[in-house]
Structures are given as structure tokens and as C-alpha cells.
Amino acid sequence: KSTLLQLCKNTTYFASNNWLFVDEVTRKVQRDGNMINEFGDNTTQLFILSEHLNNHIIQPQVNMILDRCILDGYVYTKWLYNQGSVDDWVVNYANNLLQHLVDKLDLILYTQPEDVRLVNDGVRSTNNTFRSDIISIYEELFDQDYPWMEKLIRLNGDVDTRMQTILNNIYEKEQPRQQQNI
């Protein structure tokens, strides 16, 4: 995801249309002194969910690309809940926040994990069981019949293919808006 986000930042289309990029939620919370990934707790998830709330409602008229969105906040909170590290009320809050904010997203870009190597960057967890569990929670969420599922775009293939899929979907989404402004 970080590679794709960097490519988007360097793409003329996004630069010329003044897109806003939000590339940190979890790392920001970690820098503020909270444990993340499989070591998170109620406090960590509340801070992360607060960041998602802020990102989803800040400058709503601005085109934004979020490295992580409320789906990520919910999925990681659900994993921590399953481990007994997060209380019922926090996972319920995460679910309610997901239902409240997901409609604010125009597209949900999900990077299929099969083609992505797990690389240690000093922050990302390299625990394969944790990763598998997280993927399973995403897939369980995607198996639900939510109206917002029509916004889900699965990105697979190499970086160039994924980037082209992003651009195609954004162009397609932008066309009706541009025609309305004519």
C-alpha cells in the first residue's frame, strides 16, 4: 500500500487536481506512545478510531486518498477483541463508527495480500498468524451483504497493474462529477 500511495503522490493527475494524501494513522498513534498491531488495547484502538473519524470528516469537499480507512480500524479492533485485548464496548464502537463513516468513502481499495511480501519495516508486524487472522476478518467482513460493498475494488497483480486499476477506477468515478460541472 505504501508503494502505491507513493506512486499516487507522484502521479500528475493527483498533483494537478490537488489531492490530499493521508498516509499515517497507526504509526502516528505509535509515535504518541501507544502499542500497535497485536499489542494494541482499548486505548490504542480508541486513538486509532479517533484518527479515522477525523480523516473521514476533515475537509469533506477535498479529494483524499487514505492509506488506511475505517475498515482497517474496525478489522484490527475486531482482531484485538477476539484476543481478549479489547472490550465489547470498544469493538461495538468500532463497528458503529464503520457503519457511520463507510458511506463517506467513494472507493474502497483493498490490496489483495497474496501478491504482497511481508517486509519488516520496523513498525509493521511480521507475525504470519496475525496477518492471516487479519486477512480472515477482512474476508468475513467482505462476505457480508453491506450496501457499501459495491465500492470495494480488489487490487491484485504487480504494482503497475494495481496502479492502473486505481487510476481507472478514480477516472471512472470522476467522469460523472466533471460532466455535472459542465
C-alpha atoms as a PDB file:
ATOM      1  CA  LYS A   1       0.000   0.000   0.000  1.00  0.00           C
ATOM      2  CA  SER A   2       2.752   2.446   0.827  1.00  0.00           C
ATOM      3  CA  THR A   3       4.337   1.856  -2.606  1.00  0.00           C
ATOM      4  CA  LEU A   4       1.007   2.534  -4.320  1.00  0.00           C
ATOM      5  CA  LEU A   5       0.372   5.605  -2.188  1.00  0.00           C
ATOM      6  CA  GLN A   6       3.785   6.988  -3.109  1.00  0.00           C
ATOM      7  CA  LEU A   7       3.080   6.337  -6.796  1.00  0.00           C
ATOM      8  CA  CYS A   8      -0.229   8.176  -6.477  1.00  0.00           C
ATOM      9  CA  LYS A   9       1.543  11.128  -4.867  1.00  0.00           C
ATOM     10  CA  ASN A  10       3.933  11.243  -7.830  1.00  0.00           C
ATOM     11  CA  THR A  11       1.219  10.924 -10.476  1.00  0.00           C
ATOM     12  CA  THR A  12       0.466  14.093 -12.442  1.00  0.00           C
ATOM     13  CA  TYR A  13      -3.291  13.550 -12.247  1.00  0.00           C
ATOM     14  CA  PHE A  14      -3.359  13.676  -8.448  1.00  0.00           C
ATOM     15  CA  ALA A  15      -0.858  16.524  -8.201  1.00  0.00           C
ATOM     16  CA  SER A  16      -2.673  18.668 -10.759  1.00  0.00           C
ATOM     17  CA  ASN A  17      -6.038  18.112  -9.038  1.00  0.00           C
ATOM     18  CA  ASN A  18      -4.769  18.930  -5.520  1.00  0.00           C
ATOM     19  CA  TRP A  19      -5.485  15.592  -3.884  1.00  0.00           C
ATOM     20  CA  LEU A  20      -4.811  15.225  -0.172  1.00  0.00           C
ATOM     21  CA  PHE A  21      -2.923  12.105   0.949  1.00  0.00           C
ATOM     22  CA  VAL A  22      -3.305  10.708   4.453  1.00  0.00           C
ATOM     23  CA  ASP A  23      -0.542   8.178   4.843  1.00  0.00           C
ATOM     24  CA  GLU A  24      -0.413   7.547   8.562  1.00  0.00           C
ATOM     25  CA  VAL A  25      -2.871   6.555  11.233  1.00  0.00           C
ATOM     26  CA  THR A  26      -1.347   3.672  13.130  1.00  0.00           C
ATOM     27  CA  ARG A  27       2.222   4.958  13.025  1.00  0.00           C
ATOM     28  CA  LYS A  28       1.055   8.342  14.301  1.00  0.00           C
ATOM     29  CA  VAL A  29      -0.652   6.651  17.250  1.00  0.00           C
ATOM     30  CA  GLN A  30       2.504   4.627  17.889  1.00  0.00           C
ATOM     31  CA  ARG A  31       4.666   7.777  17.846  1.00  0.00           C
ATOM     32  CA  ASP A  32       2.340   9.148  20.514  1.00  0.00           C
ATOM     33  CA  GLY A  33       3.433   6.262  22.760  1.00  0.00           C
ATOM     34  CA  ASN A  34       0.820   3.567  22.149  1.00  0.00           C
ATOM     35  CA  MET A  35       1.459  -0.085  21.360  1.00  0.00           C
ATOM     36  CA  ILE A  36       0.072  -1.121  17.958  1.00  0.00           C
ATOM     37  CA  ASN A  37      -0.638  -4.221  15.878  1.00  0.00           C
ATOM     38  CA  GLU A  38      -1.098  -7.323  18.013  1.00  0.00           C
ATOM     39  CA  PHE A  39      -0.080  -5.404  21.151  1.00  0.00           C
ATOM     40  CA  GLY A  40      -2.902  -2.849  20.964  1.00  0.00           C
ATOM     41  CA  ASP A  41      -5.537  -2.357  23.634  1.00  0.00           C
ATOM     42  CA  ASN A  42      -8.644  -0.256  24.301  1.00  0.00           C
ATOM     43  CA  THR A  43      -6.648   2.975  24.428  1.00  0.00           C
ATOM     44  CA  THR A  44      -4.733   2.247  21.236  1.00  0.00           C
ATOM     45  CA  GLN A  45      -7.882   1.426  19.300  1.00  0.00           C
ATOM     46  CA  LEU A  46      -9.750   4.456  20.602  1.00  0.00           C
ATOM     47  CA  PHE A  47      -6.920   6.703  19.428  1.00  0.00           C
ATOM     48  CA  ILE A  48      -6.824   4.932  16.054  1.00  0.00           C
ATOM     49  CA  LEU A  49     -10.603   5.132  15.659  1.00  0.00           C
ATOM     50  CA  SER A  50     -10.438   8.818  16.553  1.00  0.00           C
ATOM     51  CA  GLU A  51      -7.881   9.341  13.762  1.00  0.00           C
ATOM     52  CA  HIS A  52     -10.213   7.582  11.329  1.00  0.00           C
ATOM     53  CA  LEU A  53     -13.125   9.742  12.454  1.00  0.00           C
ATOM     54  CA  ASN A  54     -11.008  12.826  11.897  1.00  0.00           C
ATOM     55  CA  ASN A  55      -9.776  11.643   8.479  1.00  0.00           C
ATOM     56  CA  HIS A  56     -13.237  10.744   7.238  1.00  0.00           C
ATOM     57  CA  ILE A  57     -14.837  14.065   8.091  1.00  0.00           C
ATOM     58  CA  ILE A  58     -11.965  16.520   7.681  1.00  0.00           C
ATOM     59  CA  GLN A  59     -12.270  18.640   4.559  1.00  0.00           C
ATOM     60  CA  PRO A  60     -15.107  16.547   3.104  1.00  0.00           C
ATOM     61  CA  GLN A  61     -15.033  18.524  -0.149  1.00  0.00           C
ATOM     62  CA  VAL A  62     -11.399  17.622  -0.782  1.00  0.00           C
ATOM     63  CA  ASN A  63     -10.388  14.552  -2.783  1.00  0.00           C
ATOM     64  CA  MET A  64      -8.364  12.331  -0.468  1.00  0.00           C
ATOM     65  CA  ILE A  65      -6.568   9.030  -0.594  1.00  0.00           C
ATOM     66  CA  LEU A  66      -6.257   7.343   2.774  1.00  0.00           C
ATOM     67  CA  ASP A  67      -3.568   4.760   3.396  1.00  0.00           C
ATOM     68  CA  ARG A  68      -5.922   3.223   5.943  1.00  0.00           C
ATOM     69  CA  CYS A  69      -9.627   3.816   6.417  1.00  0.00           C
ATOM     70  CA  ILE A  70     -12.302   2.950   8.961  1.00  0.00           C
ATOM     71  CA  LEU A  71     -12.445  -0.641   7.643  1.00  0.00           C
ATOM     72  CA  ASP A  72      -8.886  -1.116   8.864  1.00  0.00           C
ATOM     73  CA  GLY A  73      -9.770   0.407  12.231  1.00  0.00           C
ATOM     74  CA  TYR A  74     -12.663  -1.992  12.620  1.00  0.00           C
ATOM     75  CA  VAL A  75     -10.772  -5.094  11.442  1.00  0.00           C
ATOM     76  CA  TYR A  76      -7.819  -4.567  13.791  1.00  0.00           C
ATOM     77  CA  THR A  77     -10.162  -3.751  16.682  1.00  0.00           C
ATOM     78  CA  LYS A  78     -12.094  -6.962  15.946  1.00  0.00           C
ATOM     79  CA  TRP A  79      -8.858  -8.974  15.986  1.00  0.00           C
ATOM     80  CA  LEU A  80      -7.851  -7.470  19.334  1.00  0.00           C
ATOM     81  CA  TYR A  81     -11.345  -8.175  20.667  1.00  0.00           C
ATOM     82  CA  ASN A  82     -11.039 -11.822  19.565  1.00  0.00           C
ATOM     83  CA  GLN A  83      -7.767 -11.990  21.534  1.00  0.00           C
ATOM     84  CA  GLY A  84      -9.365 -10.516  24.660  1.00  0.00           C
ATOM     85  CA  SER A  85      -7.294  -7.316  24.401  1.00  0.00           C
ATOM     86  CA  VAL A  86     -10.228  -5.002  23.635  1.00  0.00           C
ATOM     87  CA  ASP A  87     -13.538  -4.768  25.479  1.00  0.00           C
ATOM     88  CA  ASP A  88     -17.022  -5.288  23.998  1.00  0.00           C
ATOM     89  CA  TRP A  89     -17.870  -1.600  24.056  1.00  0.00           C
ATOM     90  CA  VAL A  90     -14.750  -0.719  22.024  1.00  0.00           C
ATOM     91  CA  VAL A  91     -15.404  -3.274  19.276  1.00  0.00           C
ATOM     92  CA  ASN A  92     -19.064  -2.184  19.232  1.00  0.00           C
ATOM     93  CA  TYR A  93     -17.943   1.437  18.906  1.00  0.00           C
ATOM     94  CA  ALA A  94     -15.598   0.432  16.057  1.00  0.00           C
ATOM     95  CA  ASN A  95     -18.465  -1.349  14.292  1.00  0.00           C
ATOM     96  CA  ASN A  96     -20.815   1.609  14.784  1.00  0.00           C
ATOM     97  CA  LEU A  97     -18.154   4.016  13.539  1.00  0.00           C
ATOM     98  CA  LEU A  98     -17.588   1.797  10.494  1.00  0.00           C
ATOM     99  CA  GLN A  99     -21.304   1.875   9.683  1.00  0.00           C
ATOM    100  CA  HIS A 100     -21.381   5.650  10.177  1.00  0.00           C
ATOM    101  CA  LEU A 101     -18.273   6.519   8.144  1.00  0.00           C
ATOM    102  CA  VAL A 102     -18.106   3.974   5.340  1.00  0.00           C
ATOM    103  CA  ASP A 103     -20.700   5.855   3.291  1.00  0.00           C
ATOM    104  CA  LYS A 104     -18.314   8.815   3.158  1.00  0.00           C
ATOM    105  CA  LEU A 105     -15.894   6.739   1.070  1.00  0.00           C
ATOM    106  CA  ASP A 106     -16.214   6.849  -2.712  1.00  0.00           C
ATOM    107  CA  LEU A 107     -13.993   3.817  -3.297  1.00  0.00           C
ATOM    108  CA  ILE A 108     -12.528   1.193  -1.013  1.00  0.00           C
ATOM    109  CA  LEU A 109      -9.270  -0.106  -2.427  1.00  0.00           C
ATOM    110  CA  TYR A 110      -8.269  -3.416  -0.899  1.00  0.00           C
ATOM    111  CA  THR A 111      -4.771  -4.655  -1.642  1.00  0.00           C
ATOM    112  CA  GLN A 112      -5.024  -8.401  -2.106  1.00  0.00           C
ATOM    113  CA  PRO A 113      -2.366  -9.836   0.208  1.00  0.00           C
ATOM    114  CA  GLU A 114      -1.409 -12.874  -1.886  1.00  0.00           C
ATOM    115  CA  ASP A 115       0.922 -10.841  -4.091  1.00  0.00           C
ATOM    116  CA  VAL A 116       2.449  -8.773  -1.279  1.00  0.00           C
ATOM    117  CA  ARG A 117       5.532  -9.881   0.597  1.00  0.00           C
ATOM    118  CA  LEU A 118       5.573  -9.236   4.329  1.00  0.00           C
ATOM    119  CA  VAL A 119       8.534  -6.879   4.799  1.00  0.00           C
ATOM    120  CA  ASN A 120       9.890  -5.814   8.161  1.00  0.00           C
ATOM    121  CA  ASP A 121       9.926  -2.026   8.229  1.00  0.00           C
ATOM    122  CA  GLY A 122      10.422  -1.736  11.986  1.00  0.00           C
ATOM    123  CA  VAL A 123       6.732  -0.944  12.591  1.00  0.00           C
ATOM    124  CA  ARG A 124       4.682  -3.451  10.598  1.00  0.00           C
ATOM    125  CA  SER A 125       4.091  -6.772  12.309  1.00  0.00           C
ATOM    126  CA  THR A 126       5.847  -9.708  10.673  1.00  0.00           C
ATOM    127  CA  ASN A 127       3.786 -12.269  12.580  1.00  0.00           C
ATOM    128  CA  ASN A 128       2.293 -14.548   9.886  1.00  0.00           C
ATOM    129  CA  THR A 129      -0.506 -15.805  12.161  1.00  0.00           C
ATOM    130  CA  PHE A 130      -1.516 -12.225  12.951  1.00  0.00           C
ATOM    131  CA  ARG A 131      -1.518 -11.400   9.236  1.00  0.00           C
ATOM    132  CA  SER A 132      -3.596 -14.488   8.365  1.00  0.00           C
ATOM    133  CA  ASP A 133      -6.104 -13.680  11.091  1.00  0.00           C
ATOM    134  CA  ILE A 134      -6.424 -10.080   9.882  1.00  0.00           C
ATOM    135  CA  ILE A 135      -6.974 -11.261   6.290  1.00  0.00           C
ATOM    136  CA  SER A 136      -9.679 -13.655   7.515  1.00  0.00           C
ATOM    137  CA  ILE A 137     -11.509 -10.843   9.316  1.00  0.00           C
ATOM    138  CA  TYR A 138     -11.407  -8.711   6.152  1.00  0.00           C
ATOM    139  CA  GLU A 139     -12.802 -11.599   4.120  1.00  0.00           C
ATOM    140  CA  GLU A 140     -15.557 -12.223   6.699  1.00  0.00           C
ATOM    141  CA  LEU A 141     -16.455  -8.538   6.502  1.00  0.00           C
ATOM    142  CA  PHE A 142     -16.459  -8.641   2.691  1.00  0.00           C
ATOM    143  CA  ASP A 143     -18.745 -11.703   2.741  1.00  0.00           C
ATOM    144  CA  GLN A 144     -21.476  -9.584   4.358  1.00  0.00           C
ATOM    145  CA  ASP A 145     -24.180  -8.038   2.233  1.00  0.00           C
ATOM    146  CA  TYR A 146     -23.498  -4.378   3.011  1.00  0.00           C
ATOM    147  CA  PRO A 147     -24.626  -1.739   0.505  1.00  0.00           C
ATOM    148  CA  TRP A 148     -21.130  -0.242   0.506  1.00  0.00           C
ATOM    149  CA  MET A 149     -19.633  -3.457  -0.875  1.00  0.00           C
ATOM    150  CA  GLU A 150     -20.236  -2.071  -4.378  1.00  0.00           C
ATOM    151  CA  LYS A 151     -17.432   0.416  -3.604  1.00  0.00           C
ATOM    152  CA  LEU A 152     -14.900  -2.360  -2.924  1.00  0.00           C
ATOM    153  CA  ILE A 153     -12.128  -2.677  -5.512  1.00  0.00           C
ATOM    154  CA  ARG A 154      -9.717  -5.552  -5.029  1.00  0.00           C
ATOM    155  CA  LEU A 155      -6.222  -4.684  -6.174  1.00  0.00           C
ATOM    156  CA  ASN A 156      -4.169  -7.629  -7.382  1.00  0.00           C
ATOM    157  CA  GLY A 157      -1.245  -8.304  -9.650  1.00  0.00           C
ATOM    158  CA  ASP A 158       2.025  -6.425  -9.790  1.00  0.00           C
ATOM    159  CA  VAL A 159       2.441  -2.792  -8.732  1.00  0.00           C
ATOM    160  CA  ASP A 160       1.832  -1.442 -12.258  1.00  0.00           C
ATOM    161  CA  THR A 161      -1.383  -3.447 -12.615  1.00  0.00           C
ATOM    162  CA  ARG A 162      -2.614  -2.313  -9.205  1.00  0.00           C
ATOM    163  CA  MET A 163      -1.784   1.300 -10.019  1.00  0.00           C
ATOM    164  CA  GLN A 164      -3.638   1.108 -13.323  1.00  0.00           C
ATOM    165  CA  THR A 165      -6.673  -0.335 -11.527  1.00  0.00           C
ATOM    166  CA  ILE A 166      -6.587   2.585  -9.064  1.00  0.00           C
ATOM    167  CA  LEU A 167      -6.351   5.150 -11.843  1.00  0.00           C
ATOM    168  CA  ASN A 168      -9.074   3.511 -13.949  1.00  0.00           C
ATOM    169  CA  ASN A 169     -11.484   3.449 -11.012  1.00  0.00           C
ATOM    170  CA  ILE A 170     -10.760   7.017  -9.970  1.00  0.00           C
ATOM    171  CA  TYR A 171     -11.115   8.285 -13.555  1.00  0.00           C
ATOM    172  CA  GLU A 172     -14.404   6.404 -13.846  1.00  0.00           C
ATOM    173  CA  LYS A 173     -15.629   7.916 -10.572  1.00  0.00           C
ATOM    174  CA  GLU A 174     -14.512  11.412 -11.613  1.00  0.00           C
ATOM    175  CA  GLN A 175     -16.205  11.423 -15.040  1.00  0.00           C
ATOM    176  CA  PRO A 176     -19.795  11.864 -13.759  1.00  0.00           C
ATOM    177  CA  ARG A 177     -18.638  14.687 -11.451  1.00  0.00           C
ATOM    178  CA  GLN A 178     -16.891  16.508 -14.277  1.00  0.00           C
ATOM    179  CA  GLN A 179     -19.923  16.151 -16.552  1.00  0.00           C
ATOM    180  CA  GLN A 180     -22.163  17.621 -13.821  1.00  0.00           C
ATOM    181  CA  ASN A 181     -19.923  20.684 -13.617  1.00  0.00           C
ATOM    182  CA  ILE A 182     -20.158  21.415 -17.362  1.00  0.00           C
END
